[in-house]
Amino acid sequence: MREPEQGSRTEIDQQKALTAVNLLYVLASADPSLMDAPTGDAAREIGPGFVGFVATAFIVIAAIFLIRDMVRRIRRVRYRGELEQRQEELVEKGKRSYGDGEDQPKA
């Protein structure tokens, strides 16, 4: 049986494991009461405040208007496409019923 050399892989792995265990022990033993709770003024300063609320509301309202406009435009394009398709079908149906256009009645 060979003795592990100094700096070998198993020794390094053991050192890393001990370091991780020590870190977990330190984190687990930390006392949360040592942390300072924010005071009344600091608690108000943490959030985005009124300006942040107004900016967020503006972005939401602008997004709603943009989405509604986009849906309206897409619907309009789809309806135009359906209308053109129906017109083409009617033209084809008319060409078939009258032949190739030579026998069509004159208006």
C-alpha atoms as a PDB file:
ATOM      1  CA  MET A   1       0.000   0.000   0.000  1.00  0.00           C
ATOM      2  CA  ARG A   2       1.322   3.392  -0.991  1.00  0.00           C
ATOM      3  CA  GLU A   3       1.329   6.393   1.255  1.00  0.00           C
ATOM      4  CA  PRO A   4      -0.297   9.452  -0.336  1.00  0.00           C
ATOM      5  CA  GLU A   5       2.288  12.014  -1.338  1.00  0.00           C
ATOM      6  CA  GLN A   6       2.118  15.483   0.112  1.00  0.00           C
ATOM      7  CA  GLY A   7      -0.088  17.586  -2.123  1.00  0.00           C
ATOM      8  CA  SER A   8      -1.708  14.533  -3.659  1.00  0.00           C
ATOM      9  CA  ARG A   9      -5.212  14.627  -4.981  1.00  0.00           C
ATOM     10  CA  THR A  10      -6.808  12.891  -1.971  1.00  0.00           C
ATOM     11  CA  GLU A  11      -5.135  15.260   0.464  1.00  0.00           C
ATOM     12  CA  ILE A  12      -6.274  18.293  -1.524  1.00  0.00           C
ATOM     13  CA  ASP A  13      -9.823  16.902  -1.672  1.00  0.00           C
ATOM     14  CA  GLN A  14      -9.788  16.403   2.104  1.00  0.00           C
ATOM     15  CA  GLN A  15      -8.629  19.984   2.642  1.00  0.00           C
ATOM     16  CA  LYS A  16     -11.400  21.299   0.395  1.00  0.00           C
ATOM     17  CA  ALA A  17     -13.964  19.227   2.289  1.00  0.00           C
ATOM     18  CA  LEU A  18     -12.741  20.572   5.631  1.00  0.00           C
ATOM     19  CA  THR A  19     -12.841  24.121   4.319  1.00  0.00           C
ATOM     20  CA  ALA A  20     -16.420  23.623   3.126  1.00  0.00           C
ATOM     21  CA  VAL A  21     -17.434  22.136   6.485  1.00  0.00           C
ATOM     22  CA  ASN A  22     -15.833  25.049   8.335  1.00  0.00           C
ATOM     23  CA  LEU A  23     -17.655  27.538   6.117  1.00  0.00           C
ATOM     24  CA  LEU A  24     -20.988  25.814   6.729  1.00  0.00           C
ATOM     25  CA  TYR A  25     -20.323  25.822  10.485  1.00  0.00           C
ATOM     26  CA  VAL A  26     -19.561  29.543  10.485  1.00  0.00           C
ATOM     27  CA  LEU A  27     -22.654  30.342   8.427  1.00  0.00           C
ATOM     28  CA  ALA A  28     -24.891  28.172  10.610  1.00  0.00           C
ATOM     29  CA  SER A  29     -23.617  29.690  13.836  1.00  0.00           C
ATOM     30  CA  ALA A  30     -24.132  33.293  12.738  1.00  0.00           C
ATOM     31  CA  ASP A  31     -26.489  35.123  15.072  1.00  0.00           C
ATOM     32  CA  PRO A  32     -29.222  36.934  13.118  1.00  0.00           C
ATOM     33  CA  SER A  33     -29.808  39.293  16.040  1.00  0.00           C
ATOM     34  CA  LEU A  34     -26.407  40.863  15.378  1.00  0.00           C
ATOM     35  CA  MET A  35     -27.657  42.291  12.106  1.00  0.00           C
ATOM     36  CA  ASP A  36     -29.024  45.799  12.369  1.00  0.00           C
ATOM     37  CA  ALA A  37     -32.675  46.171  11.487  1.00  0.00           C
ATOM     38  CA  PRO A  38     -33.392  49.140   9.238  1.00  0.00           C
ATOM     39  CA  THR A  39     -34.833  52.161  10.988  1.00  0.00           C
ATOM     40  CA  GLY A  40     -37.994  53.919   9.831  1.00  0.00           C
ATOM     41  CA  ASP A  41     -36.146  56.285   7.490  1.00  0.00           C
ATOM     42  CA  ALA A  42     -33.967  53.533   6.048  1.00  0.00           C
ATOM     43  CA  ALA A  43     -36.993  51.297   5.493  1.00  0.00           C
ATOM     44  CA  ARG A  44     -38.566  54.007   3.331  1.00  0.00           C
ATOM     45  CA  GLU A  45     -35.384  54.453   1.309  1.00  0.00           C
ATOM     46  CA  ILE A  46     -35.084  50.764   0.415  1.00  0.00           C
ATOM     47  CA  GLY A  47     -37.898  50.664  -2.165  1.00  0.00           C
ATOM     48  CA  PRO A  48     -38.123  52.490  -5.474  1.00  0.00           C
ATOM     49  CA  GLY A  49     -40.487  55.101  -4.053  1.00  0.00           C
ATOM     50  CA  PHE A  50     -43.063  57.185  -5.838  1.00  0.00           C
ATOM     51  CA  VAL A  51     -40.857  57.894  -8.855  1.00  0.00           C
ATOM     52  CA  GLY A  52     -40.333  54.171  -9.395  1.00  0.00           C
ATOM     53  CA  PHE A  53     -44.063  53.561  -9.154  1.00  0.00           C
ATOM     54  CA  VAL A  54     -44.815  56.281 -11.714  1.00  0.00           C
ATOM     55  CA  ALA A  55     -42.150  54.965 -14.101  1.00  0.00           C
ATOM     56  CA  THR A  56     -43.473  51.403 -13.820  1.00  0.00           C
ATOM     57  CA  ALA A  57     -47.066  52.546 -14.321  1.00  0.00           C
ATOM     58  CA  PHE A  58     -46.043  54.535 -17.416  1.00  0.00           C
ATOM     59  CA  ILE A  59     -44.287  51.514 -18.928  1.00  0.00           C
ATOM     60  CA  VAL A  60     -47.288  49.251 -18.241  1.00  0.00           C
ATOM     61  CA  ILE A  61     -49.769  51.715 -19.751  1.00  0.00           C
ATOM     62  CA  ALA A  62     -47.557  52.261 -22.814  1.00  0.00           C
ATOM     63  CA  ALA A  63     -47.218  48.491 -23.276  1.00  0.00           C
ATOM     64  CA  ILE A  64     -50.996  48.048 -23.108  1.00  0.00           C
ATOM     65  CA  PHE A  65     -51.557  50.682 -25.812  1.00  0.00           C
ATOM     66  CA  LEU A  66     -48.804  49.253 -28.019  1.00  0.00           C
ATOM     67  CA  ILE A  67     -50.152  45.699 -27.712  1.00  0.00           C
ATOM     68  CA  ARG A  68     -53.705  46.797 -28.528  1.00  0.00           C
ATOM     69  CA  ASP A  69     -52.487  48.721 -31.575  1.00  0.00           C
ATOM     70  CA  MET A  70     -50.412  45.764 -32.753  1.00  0.00           C
ATOM     71  CA  VAL A  71     -53.367  43.367 -32.409  1.00  0.00           C
ATOM     72  CA  ARG A  72     -55.571  45.783 -34.346  1.00  0.00           C
ATOM     73  CA  ARG A  73     -53.026  46.059 -37.170  1.00  0.00           C
ATOM     74  CA  ILE A  74     -52.507  42.295 -37.357  1.00  0.00           C
ATOM     75  CA  ARG A  75     -56.264  41.735 -37.483  1.00  0.00           C
ATOM     76  CA  ARG A  76     -56.596  44.312 -40.275  1.00  0.00           C
ATOM     77  CA  VAL A  77     -53.867  42.602 -42.344  1.00  0.00           C
ATOM     78  CA  ARG A  78     -55.481  39.199 -41.805  1.00  0.00           C
ATOM     79  CA  TYR A  79     -58.905  40.479 -42.907  1.00  0.00           C
ATOM     80  CA  ARG A  80     -57.399  42.068 -46.025  1.00  0.00           C
ATOM     81  CA  GLY A  81     -55.696  38.790 -46.873  1.00  0.00           C
ATOM     82  CA  GLU A  82     -58.949  36.858 -46.440  1.00  0.00           C
ATOM     83  CA  LEU A  83     -60.796  39.395 -48.607  1.00  0.00           C
ATOM     84  CA  GLU A  84     -58.201  39.147 -51.387  1.00  0.00           C
ATOM     85  CA  GLN A  85     -58.349  35.359 -51.214  1.00  0.00           C
ATOM     86  CA  ARG A  86     -62.161  35.400 -51.535  1.00  0.00           C
ATOM     87  CA  GLN A  87     -61.961  37.801 -54.478  1.00  0.00           C
ATOM     88  CA  GLU A  88     -59.440  35.556 -56.220  1.00  0.00           C
ATOM     89  CA  GLU A  89     -61.682  32.528 -55.629  1.00  0.00           C
ATOM     90  CA  LEU A  90     -64.662  34.381 -57.114  1.00  0.00           C
ATOM     91  CA  VAL A  91     -62.602  35.452 -60.125  1.00  0.00           C
ATOM     92  CA  GLU A  92     -61.480  31.855 -60.675  1.00  0.00           C
ATOM     93  CA  LYS A  93     -65.045  30.610 -60.272  1.00  0.00           C
ATOM     94  CA  GLY A  94     -66.233  33.220 -62.794  1.00  0.00           C
ATOM     95  CA  LYS A  95     -63.525  32.254 -65.294  1.00  0.00           C
ATOM     96  CA  ARG A  96     -64.520  28.595 -65.024  1.00  0.00           C
ATOM     97  CA  SER A  97     -68.220  29.302 -65.521  1.00  0.00           C
ATOM     98  CA  TYR A  98     -67.653  31.612 -68.535  1.00  0.00           C
ATOM     99  CA  GLY A  99     -64.694  29.786 -69.983  1.00  0.00           C
ATOM    100  CA  ASP A 100     -61.458  31.659 -70.586  1.00  0.00           C
ATOM    101  CA  GLY A 101     -63.084  35.063 -70.898  1.00  0.00           C
ATOM    102  CA  GLU A 102     -63.954  35.122 -74.611  1.00  0.00           C
ATOM    103  CA  ASP A 103     -67.610  34.158 -74.142  1.00  0.00           C
ATOM    104  CA  GLN A 104     -68.327  36.687 -71.411  1.00  0.00           C
ATOM    105  CA  PRO A 105     -71.388  38.846 -71.907  1.00  0.00           C
ATOM    106  CA  LYS A 106     -70.706  42.480 -72.671  1.00  0.00           C
ATOM    107  CA  ALA A 107     -71.921  44.978 -70.149  1.00  0.00           C
END
